[in-house]
Amino acid sequence: MNAQQNNMFVVGARFKMSKLGRQRLPYFANKTGTVFEVSPRTTGIIILFDGAKRSTVLHRDYIAPLSE
């Protein structure tokens, strides 16, 4: 599964925090997780951090594919 297709994340893709995300949200800097839901109409992506019980919405610029 490709984590990004045409700048779009896909459901189930693994991610880490991007450089911008680590700067803006230092609490989440070393966390990884899975893309839970993607909306083509908004810039927010619903993600589930590893070990979390609830999902979180982050701007797509705050996350990067885990393979990078």
PDB file of N, CA and C in Angstrom:
ATOM      1  N   MET A   1       0.844  -1.173   0.000  1.00  0.00           N
ATOM      2  CA  MET A   1       0.000   0.000   0.000  1.00  0.00           C
ATOM      3  C   MET A   1       0.889   1.235   0.000  1.00  0.00           C
ATOM      4  N   ASN A   2       0.613   2.132  -0.878  1.00  0.00           N
ATOM      5  CA  ASN A   2       1.345   3.386  -0.952  1.00  0.00           C
ATOM      6  C   ASN A   2       0.737   4.373   0.039  1.00  0.00           C
ATOM      7  N   ALA A   3       1.564   4.956   0.905  1.00  0.00           N
ATOM      8  CA  ALA A   3       1.050   5.844   1.943  1.00  0.00           C
ATOM      9  C   ALA A   3       0.482   7.132   1.383  1.00  0.00           C
ATOM     10  N   GLN A   4       0.982   7.565   0.243  1.00  0.00           N
ATOM     11  CA  GLN A   4       0.432   8.768  -0.371  1.00  0.00           C
ATOM     12  C   GLN A   4       0.212   8.512  -1.850  1.00  0.00           C
ATOM     13  N   GLN A   5      -0.923   8.947  -2.329  1.00  0.00           N
ATOM     14  CA  GLN A   5      -1.220   8.859  -3.745  1.00  0.00           C
ATOM     15  C   GLN A   5      -1.714  10.227  -4.171  1.00  0.00           C
ATOM     16  N   ASN A   6      -0.938  10.898  -5.022  1.00  0.00           N
ATOM     17  CA  ASN A   6      -1.292  12.248  -5.456  1.00  0.00           C
ATOM     18  C   ASN A   6      -1.537  13.176  -4.270  1.00  0.00           C
ATOM     19  N   ASN A   7      -0.617  13.161  -3.302  1.00  0.00           N
ATOM     20  CA  ASN A   7      -0.717  14.002  -2.107  1.00  0.00           C
ATOM     21  C   ASN A   7      -1.901  13.636  -1.227  1.00  0.00           C
ATOM     22  N   MET A   8      -2.462  12.474  -1.396  1.00  0.00           N
ATOM     23  CA  MET A   8      -3.594  12.039  -0.583  1.00  0.00           C
ATOM     24  C   MET A   8      -3.167  10.807   0.223  1.00  0.00           C
ATOM     25  N   PHE A   9      -3.412  10.843   1.517  1.00  0.00           N
ATOM     26  CA  PHE A   9      -3.161   9.670   2.334  1.00  0.00           C
ATOM     27  C   PHE A   9      -4.298   8.679   2.139  1.00  0.00           C
ATOM     28  N   VAL A  10      -4.018   7.416   2.312  1.00  0.00           N
ATOM     29  CA  VAL A  10      -5.039   6.383   2.162  1.00  0.00           C
ATOM     30  C   VAL A  10      -5.313   5.749   3.522  1.00  0.00           C
ATOM     31  N   VAL A  11      -6.530   5.310   3.719  1.00  0.00           N
ATOM     32  CA  VAL A  11      -6.925   4.659   4.970  1.00  0.00           C
ATOM     33  C   VAL A  11      -6.056   3.421   5.181  1.00  0.00           C
ATOM     34  N   GLY A  12      -5.551   3.275   6.392  1.00  0.00           N
ATOM     35  CA  GLY A  12      -4.706   2.133   6.726  1.00  0.00           C
ATOM     36  C   GLY A  12      -3.220   2.403   6.601  1.00  0.00           C
ATOM     37  N   ALA A  13      -2.839   3.538   6.024  1.00  0.00           N
ATOM     38  CA  ALA A  13      -1.418   3.876   5.856  1.00  0.00           C
ATOM     39  C   ALA A  13      -0.796   4.196   7.213  1.00  0.00           C
ATOM     40  N   ARG A  14       0.416   3.763   7.418  1.00  0.00           N
ATOM     41  CA  ARG A  14       1.150   4.066   8.638  1.00  0.00           C
ATOM     42  C   ARG A  14       1.817   5.432   8.472  1.00  0.00           C
ATOM     43  N   PHE A  15       1.909   6.187   9.555  1.00  0.00           N
ATOM     44  CA  PHE A  15       2.507   7.515   9.472  1.00  0.00           C
ATOM     45  C   PHE A  15       3.324   7.828  10.714  1.00  0.00           C
ATOM     46  N   LYS A  16       4.140   8.859  10.579  1.00  0.00           N
ATOM     47  CA  LYS A  16       4.852   9.470  11.694  1.00  0.00           C
ATOM     48  C   LYS A  16       4.601  10.966  11.594  1.00  0.00           C
ATOM     49  N   MET A  17       4.986  11.710  12.582  1.00  0.00           N
ATOM     50  CA  MET A  17       4.822  13.152  12.537  1.00  0.00           C
ATOM     51  C   MET A  17       5.863  13.748  11.584  1.00  0.00           C
ATOM     52  N   SER A  18       5.440  14.686  10.767  1.00  0.00           N
ATOM     53  CA  SER A  18       6.356  15.367   9.856  1.00  0.00           C
ATOM     54  C   SER A  18       7.183  16.382  10.637  1.00  0.00           C
ATOM     55  N   LYS A  19       8.141  17.001   9.983  1.00  0.00           N
ATOM     56  CA  LYS A  19       8.970  18.015  10.633  1.00  0.00           C
ATOM     57  C   LYS A  19       8.097  19.153  11.150  1.00  0.00           C
ATOM     58  N   LEU A  20       7.160  19.612  10.329  1.00  0.00           N
ATOM     59  CA  LEU A  20       6.246  20.671  10.746  1.00  0.00           C
ATOM     60  C   LEU A  20       5.387  20.219  11.923  1.00  0.00           C
ATOM     61  N   GLY A  21       4.895  18.999  11.873  1.00  0.00           N
ATOM     62  CA  GLY A  21       4.082  18.463  12.954  1.00  0.00           C
ATOM     63  C   GLY A  21       4.850  18.370  14.264  1.00  0.00           C
ATOM     64  N   ARG A  22       6.119  17.971  14.197  1.00  0.00           N
ATOM     65  CA  ARG A  22       6.949  17.890  15.405  1.00  0.00           C
ATOM     66  C   ARG A  22       7.194  19.273  15.999  1.00  0.00           C
ATOM     67  N   GLN A  23       7.334  20.279  15.129  1.00  0.00           N
ATOM     68  CA  GLN A  23       7.545  21.644  15.619  1.00  0.00           C
ATOM     69  C   GLN A  23       6.284  22.210  16.261  1.00  0.00           C
ATOM     70  N   ARG A  24       5.150  22.010  15.620  1.00  0.00           N
ATOM     71  CA  ARG A  24       3.903  22.606  16.101  1.00  0.00           C
ATOM     72  C   ARG A  24       3.256  21.828  17.245  1.00  0.00           C
ATOM     73  N   LEU A  25       3.489  20.504  17.264  1.00  0.00           N
ATOM     74  CA  LEU A  25       2.881  19.643  18.289  1.00  0.00           C
ATOM     75  C   LEU A  25       3.955  18.775  18.942  1.00  0.00           C
ATOM     76  N   PRO A  26       4.841  19.363  19.746  1.00  0.00           N
ATOM     77  CA  PRO A  26       5.957  18.600  20.315  1.00  0.00           C
ATOM     78  C   PRO A  26       5.526  17.417  21.181  1.00  0.00           C
ATOM     79  N   TYR A  27       4.340  17.478  21.759  1.00  0.00           N
ATOM     80  CA  TYR A  27       3.848  16.358  22.575  1.00  0.00           C
ATOM     81  C   TYR A  27       3.722  15.085  21.734  1.00  0.00           C
ATOM     82  N   PHE A  28       3.385  15.234  20.463  1.00  0.00           N
ATOM     83  CA  PHE A  28       3.197  14.089  19.577  1.00  0.00           C
ATOM     84  C   PHE A  28       4.441  13.768  18.742  1.00  0.00           C
ATOM     85  N   ALA A  29       5.547  14.447  18.974  1.00  0.00           N
ATOM     86  CA  ALA A  29       6.721  14.391  18.104  1.00  0.00           C
ATOM     87  C   ALA A  29       7.205  12.974  17.777  1.00  0.00           C
ATOM     88  N   ASN A  30       7.218  12.087  18.733  1.00  0.00           N
ATOM     89  CA  ASN A  30       7.769  10.742  18.511  1.00  0.00           C
ATOM     90  C   ASN A  30       6.707   9.674  18.315  1.00  0.00           C
ATOM     91  N   LYS A  31       5.482  10.083  18.082  1.00  0.00           N
ATOM     92  CA  LYS A  31       4.394   9.116  17.946  1.00  0.00           C
ATOM     93  C   LYS A  31       4.192   8.693  16.496  1.00  0.00           C
ATOM     94  N   THR A  32       3.679   7.492  16.344  1.00  0.00           N
ATOM     95  CA  THR A  32       3.311   6.955  15.037  1.00  0.00           C
ATOM     96  C   THR A  32       1.885   6.441  15.135  1.00  0.00           C
ATOM     97  N   GLY A  33       1.304   6.116  13.995  1.00  0.00           N
ATOM     98  CA  GLY A  33      -0.054   5.613  14.009  1.00  0.00           C
ATOM     99  C   GLY A  33      -0.537   5.215  12.637  1.00  0.00           C
ATOM    100  N   THR A  34      -1.857   5.166  12.495  1.00  0.00           N
ATOM    101  CA  THR A  34      -2.507   4.707  11.278  1.00  0.00           C
ATOM    102  C   THR A  34      -3.555   5.726  10.845  1.00  0.00           C
ATOM    103  N   VAL A  35      -3.638   5.939   9.542  1.00  0.00           N
ATOM    104  CA  VAL A  35      -4.677   6.814   9.000  1.00  0.00           C
ATOM    105  C   VAL A  35      -6.004   6.080   9.137  1.00  0.00           C
ATOM    106  N   PHE A  36      -6.978   6.730   9.744  1.00  0.00           N
ATOM    107  CA  PHE A  36      -8.266   6.116  10.048  1.00  0.00           C
ATOM    108  C   PHE A  36      -9.340   6.522   9.042  1.00  0.00           C
ATOM    109  N   GLU A  37      -9.329   7.794   8.634  1.00  0.00           N
ATOM    110  CA  GLU A  37     -10.321   8.284   7.673  1.00  0.00           C
ATOM    111  C   GLU A  37      -9.760   9.506   6.958  1.00  0.00           C
ATOM    112  N   VAL A  38     -10.058   9.607   5.661  1.00  0.00           N
ATOM    113  CA  VAL A  38      -9.594  10.724   4.843  1.00  0.00           C
ATOM    114  C   VAL A  38     -10.790  11.345   4.139  1.00  0.00           C
ATOM    115  N   SER A  39     -10.861  12.663   4.185  1.00  0.00           N
ATOM    116  CA  SER A  39     -11.919  13.372   3.471  1.00  0.00           C
ATOM    117  C   SER A  39     -11.291  14.195   2.354  1.00  0.00           C
ATOM    118  N   PRO A  40     -11.756  14.040   1.134  1.00  0.00           N
ATOM    119  CA  PRO A  40     -11.190  14.817   0.029  1.00  0.00           C
ATOM    120  C   PRO A  40     -11.587  16.293   0.084  1.00  0.00           C
ATOM    121  N   ARG A  41     -12.552  16.642   0.927  1.00  0.00           N
ATOM    122  CA  ARG A  41     -13.046  18.021   0.996  1.00  0.00           C
ATOM    123  C   ARG A  41     -12.342  18.876   2.031  1.00  0.00           C
ATOM    124  N   THR A  42     -11.639  18.270   2.981  1.00  0.00           N
ATOM    125  CA  THR A  42     -10.972  19.044   4.032  1.00  0.00           C
ATOM    126  C   THR A  42      -9.499  18.700   4.090  1.00  0.00           C
ATOM    127  N   THR A  43      -8.733  19.510   4.815  1.00  0.00           N
ATOM    128  CA  THR A  43      -7.298  19.245   4.967  1.00  0.00           C
ATOM    129  C   THR A  43      -7.014  18.407   6.205  1.00  0.00           C
ATOM    130  N   GLY A  44      -8.042  18.112   6.979  1.00  0.00           N
ATOM    131  CA  GLY A  44      -7.867  17.293   8.164  1.00  0.00           C
ATOM    132  C   GLY A  44      -7.924  15.811   7.836  1.00  0.00           C
ATOM    133  N   ILE A  45      -7.118  15.050   8.539  1.00  0.00           N
ATOM    134  CA  ILE A  45      -7.095  13.592   8.392  1.00  0.00           C
ATOM    135  C   ILE A  45      -7.347  13.000   9.772  1.00  0.00           C
ATOM    136  N   ILE A  46      -8.258  12.054   9.860  1.00  0.00           N
ATOM    137  CA  ILE A  46      -8.534  11.384  11.129  1.00  0.00           C
ATOM    138  C   ILE A  46      -7.534  10.255  11.275  1.00  0.00           C
ATOM    139  N   ILE A  47      -6.793  10.302  12.372  1.00  0.00           N
ATOM    140  CA  ILE A  47      -5.731   9.320  12.593  1.00  0.00           C
ATOM    141  C   ILE A  47      -5.937   8.653  13.952  1.00  0.00           C
ATOM    142  N   LEU A  48      -5.289   7.511  14.115  1.00  0.00           N
ATOM    143  CA  LEU A  48      -5.309   6.809  15.389  1.00  0.00           C
ATOM    144  C   LEU A  48      -3.864   6.535  15.769  1.00  0.00           C
ATOM    145  N   PHE A  49      -3.399   7.213  16.820  1.00  0.00           N
ATOM    146  CA  PHE A  49      -2.037   6.979  17.288  1.00  0.00           C
ATOM    147  C   PHE A  49      -1.944   5.588  17.891  1.00  0.00           C
ATOM    148  N   ASP A  50      -0.787   4.970  17.775  1.00  0.00           N
ATOM    149  CA  ASP A  50      -0.563   3.650  18.354  1.00  0.00           C
ATOM    150  C   ASP A  50      -0.842   3.701  19.852  1.00  0.00           C
ATOM    151  N   GLY A  51      -1.653   2.790  20.342  1.00  0.00           N
ATOM    152  CA  GLY A  51      -1.982   2.707  21.758  1.00  0.00           C
ATOM    153  C   GLY A  51      -3.126   3.603  22.197  1.00  0.00           C
ATOM    154  N   ALA A  52      -3.624   4.465  21.311  1.00  0.00           N
ATOM    155  CA  ALA A  52      -4.717   5.375  21.669  1.00  0.00           C
ATOM    156  C   ALA A  52      -6.061   4.676  21.519  1.00  0.00           C
ATOM    157  N   LYS A  53      -7.023   5.106  22.315  1.00  0.00           N
ATOM    158  CA  LYS A  53      -8.372   4.560  22.230  1.00  0.00           C
ATOM    159  C   LYS A  53      -9.273   5.417  21.360  1.00  0.00           C
ATOM    160  N   ARG A  54      -8.927   6.704  21.233  1.00  0.00           N
ATOM    161  CA  ARG A  54      -9.736   7.630  20.446  1.00  0.00           C
ATOM    162  C   ARG A  54      -8.932   8.185  19.283  1.00  0.00           C
ATOM    163  N   SER A  55      -9.636   8.470  18.225  1.00  0.00           N
ATOM    164  CA  SER A  55      -8.981   9.041  17.045  1.00  0.00           C
ATOM    165  C   SER A  55      -8.744  10.533  17.256  1.00  0.00           C
ATOM    166  N   THR A  56      -7.886  11.098  16.422  1.00  0.00           N
ATOM    167  CA  THR A  56      -7.509  12.508  16.477  1.00  0.00           C
ATOM    168  C   THR A  56      -7.540  13.056  15.060  1.00  0.00           C
ATOM    169  N   VAL A  57      -7.888  14.317  14.905  1.00  0.00           N
ATOM    170  CA  VAL A  57      -7.861  14.961  13.592  1.00  0.00           C
ATOM    171  C   VAL A  57      -6.636  15.860  13.533  1.00  0.00           C
ATOM    172  N   LEU A  58      -5.812  15.662  12.511  1.00  0.00           N
ATOM    173  CA  LEU A  58      -4.637  16.499  12.287  1.00  0.00           C
ATOM    174  C   LEU A  58      -4.648  17.013  10.860  1.00  0.00           C
ATOM    175  N   HIS A  59      -4.031  18.158  10.654  1.00  0.00           N
ATOM    176  CA  HIS A  59      -3.854  18.684   9.301  1.00  0.00           C
ATOM    177  C   HIS A  59      -2.911  17.744   8.562  1.00  0.00           C
ATOM    178  N   ARG A  60      -3.160  17.523   7.307  1.00  0.00           N
ATOM    179  CA  ARG A  60      -2.354  16.560   6.541  1.00  0.00           C
ATOM    180  C   ARG A  60      -0.881  16.936   6.445  1.00  0.00           C
ATOM    181  N   ASP A  61      -0.529  18.206   6.634  1.00  0.00           N
ATOM    182  CA  ASP A  61       0.878  18.611   6.605  1.00  0.00           C
ATOM    183  C   ASP A  61       1.626  18.211   7.870  1.00  0.00           C
ATOM    184  N   TYR A  62       0.906  17.799   8.904  1.00  0.00           N
ATOM    185  CA  TYR A  62       1.531  17.436  10.167  1.00  0.00           C
ATOM    186  C   TYR A  62       1.976  15.984  10.217  1.00  0.00           C
ATOM    187  N   ILE A  63       1.608  15.188   9.218  1.00  0.00           N
ATOM    188  CA  ILE A  63       2.015  13.783   9.209  1.00  0.00           C
ATOM    189  C   ILE A  63       2.761  13.451   7.919  1.00  0.00           C
ATOM    190  N   ALA A  64       3.570  12.394   8.005  1.00  0.00           N
ATOM    191  CA  ALA A  64       4.358  11.931   6.860  1.00  0.00           C
ATOM    192  C   ALA A  64       4.323  10.408   6.848  1.00  0.00           C
ATOM    193  N   PRO A  65       4.453   9.803   5.678  1.00  0.00           N
ATOM    194  CA  PRO A  65       4.483   8.337   5.615  1.00  0.00           C
ATOM    195  C   PRO A  65       5.604   7.785   6.490  1.00  0.00           C
ATOM    196  N   LEU A  66       5.363   6.680   7.138  1.00  0.00           N
ATOM    197  CA  LEU A  66       6.346   6.076   8.030  1.00  0.00           C
ATOM    198  C   LEU A  66       7.599   5.663   7.273  1.00  0.00           C
ATOM    199  N   SER A  67       7.491   5.379   5.995  1.00  0.00           N
ATOM    200  CA  SER A  67       8.631   4.929   5.199  1.00  0.00           C
ATOM    201  C   SER A  67       9.645   6.031   4.916  1.00  0.00           C
ATOM    202  N   GLU A  68       9.285   7.296   5.128  1.00  0.00           N
ATOM    203  CA  GLU A  68      10.224   8.400   4.855  1.00  0.00           C
ATOM    204  C   GLU A  68      11.244   8.532   5.948  1.00  0.00           C
TER     205      GLU A  68
END
